[in-house]
C-alpha atoms as a PDB file:
ATOM      1  CA  MET A   1      -3.958 100.040 124.440  1.00  0.00           C
ATOM      2  CA  ILE A   2      -1.201 101.390 126.656  1.00  0.00           C
ATOM      3  CA  ARG A   3      -0.469  97.873 127.946  1.00  0.00           C
ATOM      4  CA  ARG A   4      -0.131  96.544 124.359  1.00  0.00           C
ATOM      5  CA  HIS A   5       2.205  99.393 123.456  1.00  0.00           C
ATOM      6  CA  ARG A   6       4.425  98.590 126.457  1.00  0.00           C
ATOM      7  CA  LEU A   7       4.474  94.919 125.482  1.00  0.00           C
ATOM      8  CA  LEU A   8       5.516  95.814 121.940  1.00  0.00           C
ATOM      9  CA  CYS A   9       8.399  97.956 123.272  1.00  0.00           C
ATOM     10  CA  ALA A  10       9.536  95.106 125.524  1.00  0.00           C
ATOM     11  CA  ILE A  11       9.630  92.727 122.575  1.00  0.00           C
ATOM     12  CA  LEU A  12      11.599  95.201 120.508  1.00  0.00           C
ATOM     13  CA  LEU A  13      14.347  95.535 123.129  1.00  0.00           C
ATOM     14  CA  GLY A  14      16.305  92.905 121.267  1.00  0.00           C
ATOM     15  CA  ALA A  15      15.809  94.677 117.919  1.00  0.00           C
ATOM     16  CA  PRO A  16      18.190  97.178 116.362  1.00  0.00           C
ATOM     17  CA  PHE A  17      18.282 100.600 118.031  1.00  0.00           C
ATOM     18  CA  VAL A  18      16.791 102.431 115.063  1.00  0.00           C
ATOM     19  CA  ALA A  19      13.738 100.149 115.027  1.00  0.00           C
ATOM     20  CA  LEU A  20      13.359 100.476 118.793  1.00  0.00           C
ATOM     21  CA  GLY A  21      13.483 104.239 118.600  1.00  0.00           C
ATOM     22  CA  ALA A  22      10.862 104.303 115.835  1.00  0.00           C
ATOM     23  CA  ALA A  23       8.497 101.959 117.653  1.00  0.00           C
ATOM     24  CA  CYS A  24       8.792 103.531 121.102  1.00  0.00           C
ATOM     25  CA  SER A  25       9.197 107.222 120.308  1.00  0.00           C
ATOM     26  CA  GLY A  26       7.376 109.303 122.869  1.00  0.00           C
ATOM     27  CA  SER A  27       6.959 106.371 125.319  1.00  0.00           C
ATOM     28  CA  SER A  28       7.687 107.320 128.912  1.00  0.00           C
ATOM     29  CA  THR A  29       8.381 103.670 129.801  1.00  0.00           C
ATOM     30  CA  THR A  30      11.511 103.555 127.653  1.00  0.00           C
ATOM     31  CA  ALA A  31      13.156 106.828 128.799  1.00  0.00           C
ATOM     32  CA  GLY A  32      16.918 106.720 128.198  1.00  0.00           C
ATOM     33  CA  ILE A  33      16.565 104.161 125.411  1.00  0.00           C
ATOM     34  CA  SER A  34      14.510 105.887 122.749  1.00  0.00           C
ATOM     35  CA  THR A  35      15.521 109.199 121.207  1.00  0.00           C
ATOM     36  CA  PRO A  36      13.181 112.181 120.990  1.00  0.00           C
ATOM     37  CA  SER A  37      11.694 112.876 117.598  1.00  0.00           C
ATOM     38  CA  GLY A  38      14.071 114.938 115.419  1.00  0.00           C
ATOM     39  CA  THR A  39      17.284 113.927 117.280  1.00  0.00           C
ATOM     40  CA  ASP A  40      20.183 112.502 115.265  1.00  0.00           C
ATOM     41  CA  ALA A  41      20.877 109.105 116.727  1.00  0.00           C
ATOM     42  CA  GLY A  42      24.463 109.312 115.486  1.00  0.00           C
ATOM     43  CA  THR A  43      25.314 111.891 118.138  1.00  0.00           C
ATOM     44  CA  SER A  44      24.668 109.366 120.856  1.00  0.00           C
ATOM     45  CA  THR A  45      27.703 107.279 119.897  1.00  0.00           C
ATOM     46  CA  GLY A  46      31.441 108.102 119.711  1.00  0.00           C
ATOM     47  CA  THR A  47      33.495 110.567 121.724  1.00  0.00           C
ATOM     48  CA  PRO A  48      31.731 113.737 122.873  1.00  0.00           C
ATOM     49  CA  ILE A  49      33.100 116.940 121.337  1.00  0.00           C
ATOM     50  CA  ALA A  50      34.239 118.198 124.718  1.00  0.00           C
ATOM     51  CA  ASP A  51      36.171 114.985 125.372  1.00  0.00           C
ATOM     52  CA  ALA A  52      37.730 115.037 121.895  1.00  0.00           C
ATOM     53  CA  GLY A  53      38.968 118.552 122.517  1.00  0.00           C
ATOM     54  CA  SER A  54      40.452 117.630 125.874  1.00  0.00           C
ATOM     55  CA  ASP A  55      42.288 114.694 124.295  1.00  0.00           C
ATOM     56  CA  ALA A  56      43.854 117.008 121.690  1.00  0.00           C
ATOM     57  CA  SER A  57      44.859 119.613 124.245  1.00  0.00           C
ATOM     58  CA  SER A  58      46.501 116.980 126.459  1.00  0.00           C
ATOM     59  CA  ALA A  59      48.952 116.034 123.674  1.00  0.00           C
ATOM     60  CA  PRO A  60      52.489 117.414 124.180  1.00  0.00           C
ATOM     61  CA  PRO A  61      53.148 120.613 122.209  1.00  0.00           C
ATOM     62  CA  ALA A  62      55.337 120.515 119.163  1.00  0.00           C
ATOM     63  CA  THR A  63      58.874 121.538 119.814  1.00  0.00           C
ATOM     64  CA  ASP A  64      61.190 123.289 117.573  1.00  0.00           C
ATOM     65  CA  GLY A  65      64.585 121.441 117.496  1.00  0.00           C
ATOM     66  CA  GLY A  66      66.419 124.678 116.441  1.00  0.00           C
ATOM     67  CA  ALA A  67      65.472 126.696 119.551  1.00  0.00           C
ATOM     68  CA  GLY A  68      68.190 127.328 122.125  1.00  0.00           C
ATOM     69  CA  GLY A  69      71.046 125.333 120.668  1.00  0.00           C
ATOM     70  CA  THR A  70      73.339 124.432 117.787  1.00  0.00           C
ATOM     71  CA  SER A  71      73.359 120.933 116.311  1.00  0.00           C
ATOM     72  CA  LEU A  72      75.061 120.262 112.977  1.00  0.00           C
ATOM     73  CA  SER A  73      75.407 117.029 111.009  1.00  0.00           C
ATOM     74  CA  GLY A  74      77.224 115.971 107.860  1.00  0.00           C
ATOM     75  CA  THR A  75      80.806 115.972 106.625  1.00  0.00           C
ATOM     76  CA  LEU A  76      83.271 118.783 105.988  1.00  0.00           C
ATOM     77  CA  GLY A  77      85.484 117.528 103.180  1.00  0.00           C
ATOM     78  CA  THR A  78      88.876 116.387 104.419  1.00  0.00           C
ATOM     79  CA  LEU A  79      87.971 117.438 107.966  1.00  0.00           C
ATOM     80  CA  GLY A  80      85.584 114.489 108.110  1.00  0.00           C
ATOM     81  CA  THR A  81      82.379 114.073 110.078  1.00  0.00           C
ATOM     82  CA  VAL A  82      81.013 117.230 111.685  1.00  0.00           C
ATOM     83  CA  GLN A  83      82.048 117.380 115.325  1.00  0.00           C
ATOM     84  CA  PRO A  84      79.652 118.571 118.059  1.00  0.00           C
ATOM     85  CA  THR A  85      79.478 122.352 118.353  1.00  0.00           C
ATOM     86  CA  VAL A  86      80.471 123.718 121.773  1.00  0.00           C
ATOM     87  CA  SER A  87      80.650 127.474 121.045  1.00  0.00           C
ATOM     88  CA  SER A  88      78.439 129.679 118.861  1.00  0.00           C
ATOM     89  CA  LEU A  89      79.056 133.408 118.492  1.00  0.00           C
ATOM     90  CA  MET A  90      77.775 136.170 116.201  1.00  0.00           C
ATOM     91  CA  ILE A  91      79.575 139.361 115.176  1.00  0.00           C
ATOM     92  CA  SER A  92      78.888 142.365 112.972  1.00  0.00           C
ATOM     93  CA  ASN A  93      81.787 143.513 110.806  1.00  0.00           C
ATOM     94  CA  SER A  94      82.087 145.707 107.687  1.00  0.00           C
ATOM     95  CA  GLY A  95      78.374 145.576 106.877  1.00  0.00           C
ATOM     96  CA  GLU A  96      78.107 141.814 107.335  1.00  0.00           C
ATOM     97  CA  THR A  97      76.774 139.504 110.023  1.00  0.00           C
ATOM     98  CA  LEU A  98      79.006 136.516 110.716  1.00  0.00           C
ATOM     99  CA  LEU A  99      78.300 133.447 112.844  1.00  0.00           C
ATOM    100  CA  TYR A 100      81.049 131.169 114.136  1.00  0.00           C
ATOM    101  CA  LEU A 101      80.018 127.658 115.166  1.00  0.00           C
ATOM    102  CA  SER A 102      83.048 125.973 116.706  1.00  0.00           C
ATOM    103  CA  SER A 103      83.795 122.442 117.886  1.00  0.00           C
ATOM    104  CA  ALA A 104      86.406 123.915 120.254  1.00  0.00           C
ATOM    105  CA  PRO A 105      85.763 126.355 123.117  1.00  0.00           C
ATOM    106  CA  LEU A 106      85.635 129.920 121.765  1.00  0.00           C
ATOM    107  CA  THR A 107      85.128 133.075 123.837  1.00  0.00           C
ATOM    108  CA  CYS A 108      84.070 136.573 122.842  1.00  0.00           C
ATOM    109  CA  ASP A 109      87.379 137.984 124.085  1.00  0.00           C
ATOM    110  CA  GLN A 110      89.271 135.441 121.988  1.00  0.00           C
ATOM    111  CA  ILE A 111      87.630 136.475 118.709  1.00  0.00           C
ATOM    112  CA  LYS A 112      88.259 140.186 119.320  1.00  0.00           C
ATOM    113  CA  ALA A 113      91.838 139.559 118.201  1.00  0.00           C
ATOM    114  CA  SER A 114      92.687 139.791 114.513  1.00  0.00           C
ATOM    115  CA  ARG A 115      93.247 136.438 112.730  1.00  0.00           C
ATOM    116  CA  TRP A 116      92.163 134.452 115.760  1.00  0.00           C
ATOM    117  CA  LEU A 117      91.652 131.176 113.828  1.00  0.00           C
ATOM    118  CA  GLY A 118      95.280 130.171 114.372  1.00  0.00           C
ATOM    119  CA  SER A 119      94.803 130.302 118.165  1.00  0.00           C
ATOM    120  CA  VAL A 120      91.884 127.845 118.183  1.00  0.00           C
ATOM    121  CA  THR A 121      92.552 124.207 119.120  1.00  0.00           C
ATOM    122  CA  LYS A 122      94.366 122.433 116.290  1.00  0.00           C
ATOM    123  CA  GLY A 123      92.148 120.065 114.328  1.00  0.00           C
ATOM    124  CA  SER A 124      88.913 121.637 115.499  1.00  0.00           C
ATOM    125  CA  GLN A 125      86.185 122.672 113.050  1.00  0.00           C
ATOM    126  CA  ILE A 126      84.748 126.159 112.664  1.00  0.00           C
ATOM    127  CA  VAL A 127      81.691 126.683 110.475  1.00  0.00           C
ATOM    128  CA  GLU A 128      81.268 130.293 109.386  1.00  0.00           C
ATOM    129  CA  ILE A 129      77.875 131.654 108.246  1.00  0.00           C
ATOM    130  CA  VAL A 130      77.974 135.038 106.520  1.00  0.00           C
ATOM    131  CA  ILE A 131      75.183 137.305 105.282  1.00  0.00           C
ATOM    132  CA  LYS A 132      75.073 140.903 104.108  1.00  0.00           C
ATOM    133  CA  GLY A 133      73.604 143.388 106.568  1.00  0.00           C
ATOM    134  CA  ALA A 134      71.646 142.605 109.715  1.00  0.00           C
ATOM    135  CA  PRO A 135      69.817 139.270 110.031  1.00  0.00           C
ATOM    136  CA  VAL A 136      66.025 139.202 109.697  1.00  0.00           C
ATOM    137  CA  VAL A 137      63.581 136.333 110.048  1.00  0.00           C
ATOM    138  CA  GLY A 138      63.426 134.515 106.714  1.00  0.00           C
ATOM    139  CA  ASP A 139      65.579 132.701 104.166  1.00  0.00           C
ATOM    140  CA  VAL A 140      68.937 133.618 102.620  1.00  0.00           C
ATOM    141  CA  ALA A 141      70.115 131.609  99.615  1.00  0.00           C
ATOM    142  CA  VAL A 142      73.712 130.371  99.338  1.00  0.00           C
ATOM    143  CA  PRO A 143      75.086 132.203  97.423  1.00  0.00           C
ATOM    144  CA  PRO A 144      74.905 135.159  98.031  1.00  0.00           C
ATOM    145  CA  GLY A 145      74.971 133.987 101.652  1.00  0.00           C
ATOM    146  CA  GLU A 146      78.016 131.975 102.687  1.00  0.00           C
ATOM    147  CA  VAL A 147      78.488 128.777 104.692  1.00  0.00           C
ATOM    148  CA  ASN A 148      82.229 128.266 105.000  1.00  0.00           C
ATOM    149  CA  TYR A 149      84.380 126.027 107.156  1.00  0.00           C
ATOM    150  CA  ALA A 150      87.980 126.098 108.309  1.00  0.00           C
ATOM    151  CA  GLN A 151      90.277 124.164 110.599  1.00  0.00           C
ATOM    152  CA  GLY A 152      91.422 125.453 113.948  1.00  0.00           C
ATOM    153  CA  GLY A 153      95.143 126.129 114.243  1.00  0.00           C
ATOM    154  CA  LYS A 154      95.448 127.230 110.585  1.00  0.00           C
ATOM    155  CA  SER A 155      94.967 130.484 108.716  1.00  0.00           C
ATOM    156  CA  SER A 156      91.735 131.520 107.003  1.00  0.00           C
ATOM    157  CA  SER A 157      93.400 130.927 103.622  1.00  0.00           C
ATOM    158  CA  TYR A 158      92.408 127.248 104.086  1.00  0.00           C
ATOM    159  CA  GLU A 159      88.737 128.175 104.249  1.00  0.00           C
ATOM    160  CA  VAL A 160      86.304 126.170 102.082  1.00  0.00           C
ATOM    161  CA  GLY A 161      83.050 127.728 100.852  1.00  0.00           C
ATOM    162  CA  ALA A 162      79.733 126.086  99.987  1.00  0.00           C
ATOM    163  CA  ASP A 163      78.510 125.957  96.405  1.00  0.00           C
ATOM    164  CA  SER A 164      74.819 125.918  97.357  1.00  0.00           C
ATOM    165  CA  GLY A 165      72.505 125.902 100.319  1.00  0.00           C
ATOM    166  CA  LYS A 166      70.118 127.930 102.416  1.00  0.00           C
ATOM    167  CA  ILE A 167      70.251 129.849 105.695  1.00  0.00           C
ATOM    168  CA  THR A 168      66.947 130.339 107.534  1.00  0.00           C
ATOM    169  CA  PHE A 169      66.604 132.685 110.496  1.00  0.00           C
ATOM    170  CA  THR A 170      63.731 131.874 112.852  1.00  0.00           C
ATOM    171  CA  LYS A 171      64.854 134.423 115.440  1.00  0.00           C
ATOM    172  CA  ALA A 172      66.877 137.562 114.763  1.00  0.00           C
ATOM    173  CA  ASP A 173      67.575 140.355 117.224  1.00  0.00           C
ATOM    174  CA  ALA A 174      70.514 142.344 118.540  1.00  0.00           C
ATOM    175  CA  ALA A 175      71.359 139.795 121.240  1.00  0.00           C
ATOM    176  CA  ALA A 176      71.051 136.446 119.449  1.00  0.00           C
ATOM    177  CA  VAL A 177      69.952 134.606 116.329  1.00  0.00           C
ATOM    178  CA  GLU A 178      68.514 131.148 115.758  1.00  0.00           C
ATOM    179  CA  GLY A 179      67.658 129.143 112.694  1.00  0.00           C
ATOM    180  CA  THR A 180      68.629 126.337 110.344  1.00  0.00           C
ATOM    181  CA  VAL A 181      71.288 125.879 107.703  1.00  0.00           C
ATOM    182  CA  THR A 182      72.004 123.534 104.806  1.00  0.00           C
ATOM    183  CA  ALA A 183      75.055 123.662 102.550  1.00  0.00           C
ATOM    184  CA  THR A 184      76.780 121.502  99.948  1.00  0.00           C
ATOM    185  CA  TYR A 185      80.466 121.700  99.038  1.00  0.00           C
ATOM    186  CA  GLY A 186      81.758 121.106  95.534  1.00  0.00           C
ATOM    187  CA  GLY A 187      84.885 119.330  96.761  1.00  0.00           C
ATOM    188  CA  GLY A 188      82.803 116.882  98.791  1.00  0.00           C
ATOM    189  CA  GLY A 189      80.689 117.072 101.892  1.00  0.00           C
ATOM    190  CA  ALA A 190      77.522 118.730 103.121  1.00  0.00           C
ATOM    191  CA  VAL A 191      76.284 120.151 106.385  1.00  0.00           C
ATOM    192  CA  HIS A 192      72.836 120.757 107.826  1.00  0.00           C
ATOM    193  CA  GLY A 193      71.295 121.486 111.194  1.00  0.00           C
ATOM    194  CA  THR A 194      70.210 124.149 113.629  1.00  0.00           C
ATOM    195  CA  PHE A 195      72.079 127.084 115.148  1.00  0.00           C
ATOM    196  CA  HIS A 196      71.882 129.533 118.027  1.00  0.00           C
ATOM    197  CA  ALA A 197      74.521 132.246 118.321  1.00  0.00           C
ATOM    198  CA  ASP A 198      74.934 135.052 120.855  1.00  0.00           C
ATOM    199  CA  PHE A 199      76.243 138.472 119.860  1.00  0.00           C
ATOM    200  CA  CYS A 200      79.864 139.357 120.599  1.00  0.00           C
ATOM    201  CA  ALA A 201      80.526 143.100 120.428  1.00  0.00           C
ATOM    202  CA  GLY A 202      83.908 143.908 118.894  1.00  0.00           C
ATOM    203  CA  GLY A 203      84.419 140.447 117.427  1.00  0.00           C
ATOM    204  CA  GLN A 204      86.580 140.012 114.315  1.00  0.00           C
ATOM    205  CA  GLY A 205      86.388 137.698 111.306  1.00  0.00           C
ATOM    206  CA  TYR A 206      88.601 134.617 111.558  1.00  0.00           C
END
């Protein structure tokens, strides 16, 4: 009887796995081929759970493009395409927080002077972000927030303000802020991107 059972299992080797498992369940001669009674055969195929987890953990982590730098895109009316930002500073003045994102080199000492915009490189672009009070993580609508721009070498009377937009702070502390900004200007143009600005004690509005 045992010999006939072994012969039957040998014949079934070419049959589908499910049939083989049913015919040879409990047979010691087919160890490693048949599945014990009550086992889900589906778990024997595919990637093991441990391997699937290791594959997921080996993927590179998501990165936040706004962390550690300022990168703006768009157009600023007659000033044309947004130029790369090389200086980003934050000040606190008269109950407001102001960020200055400049395409020309700008130092903390430089913006401690009143009406410093005229001393900045002629033709450069300065984007000004303004909110009431201290920044906190979250969104600020425009308005009441402001996203203005002005040209270096001129007075602030040439400033242009956005009609709509949003300022989002993803980091906000006494030393620095980070986040994203979008703004649209009624006279033409729009700007969007990420910002990082370090605090400048004693800085003045442009």
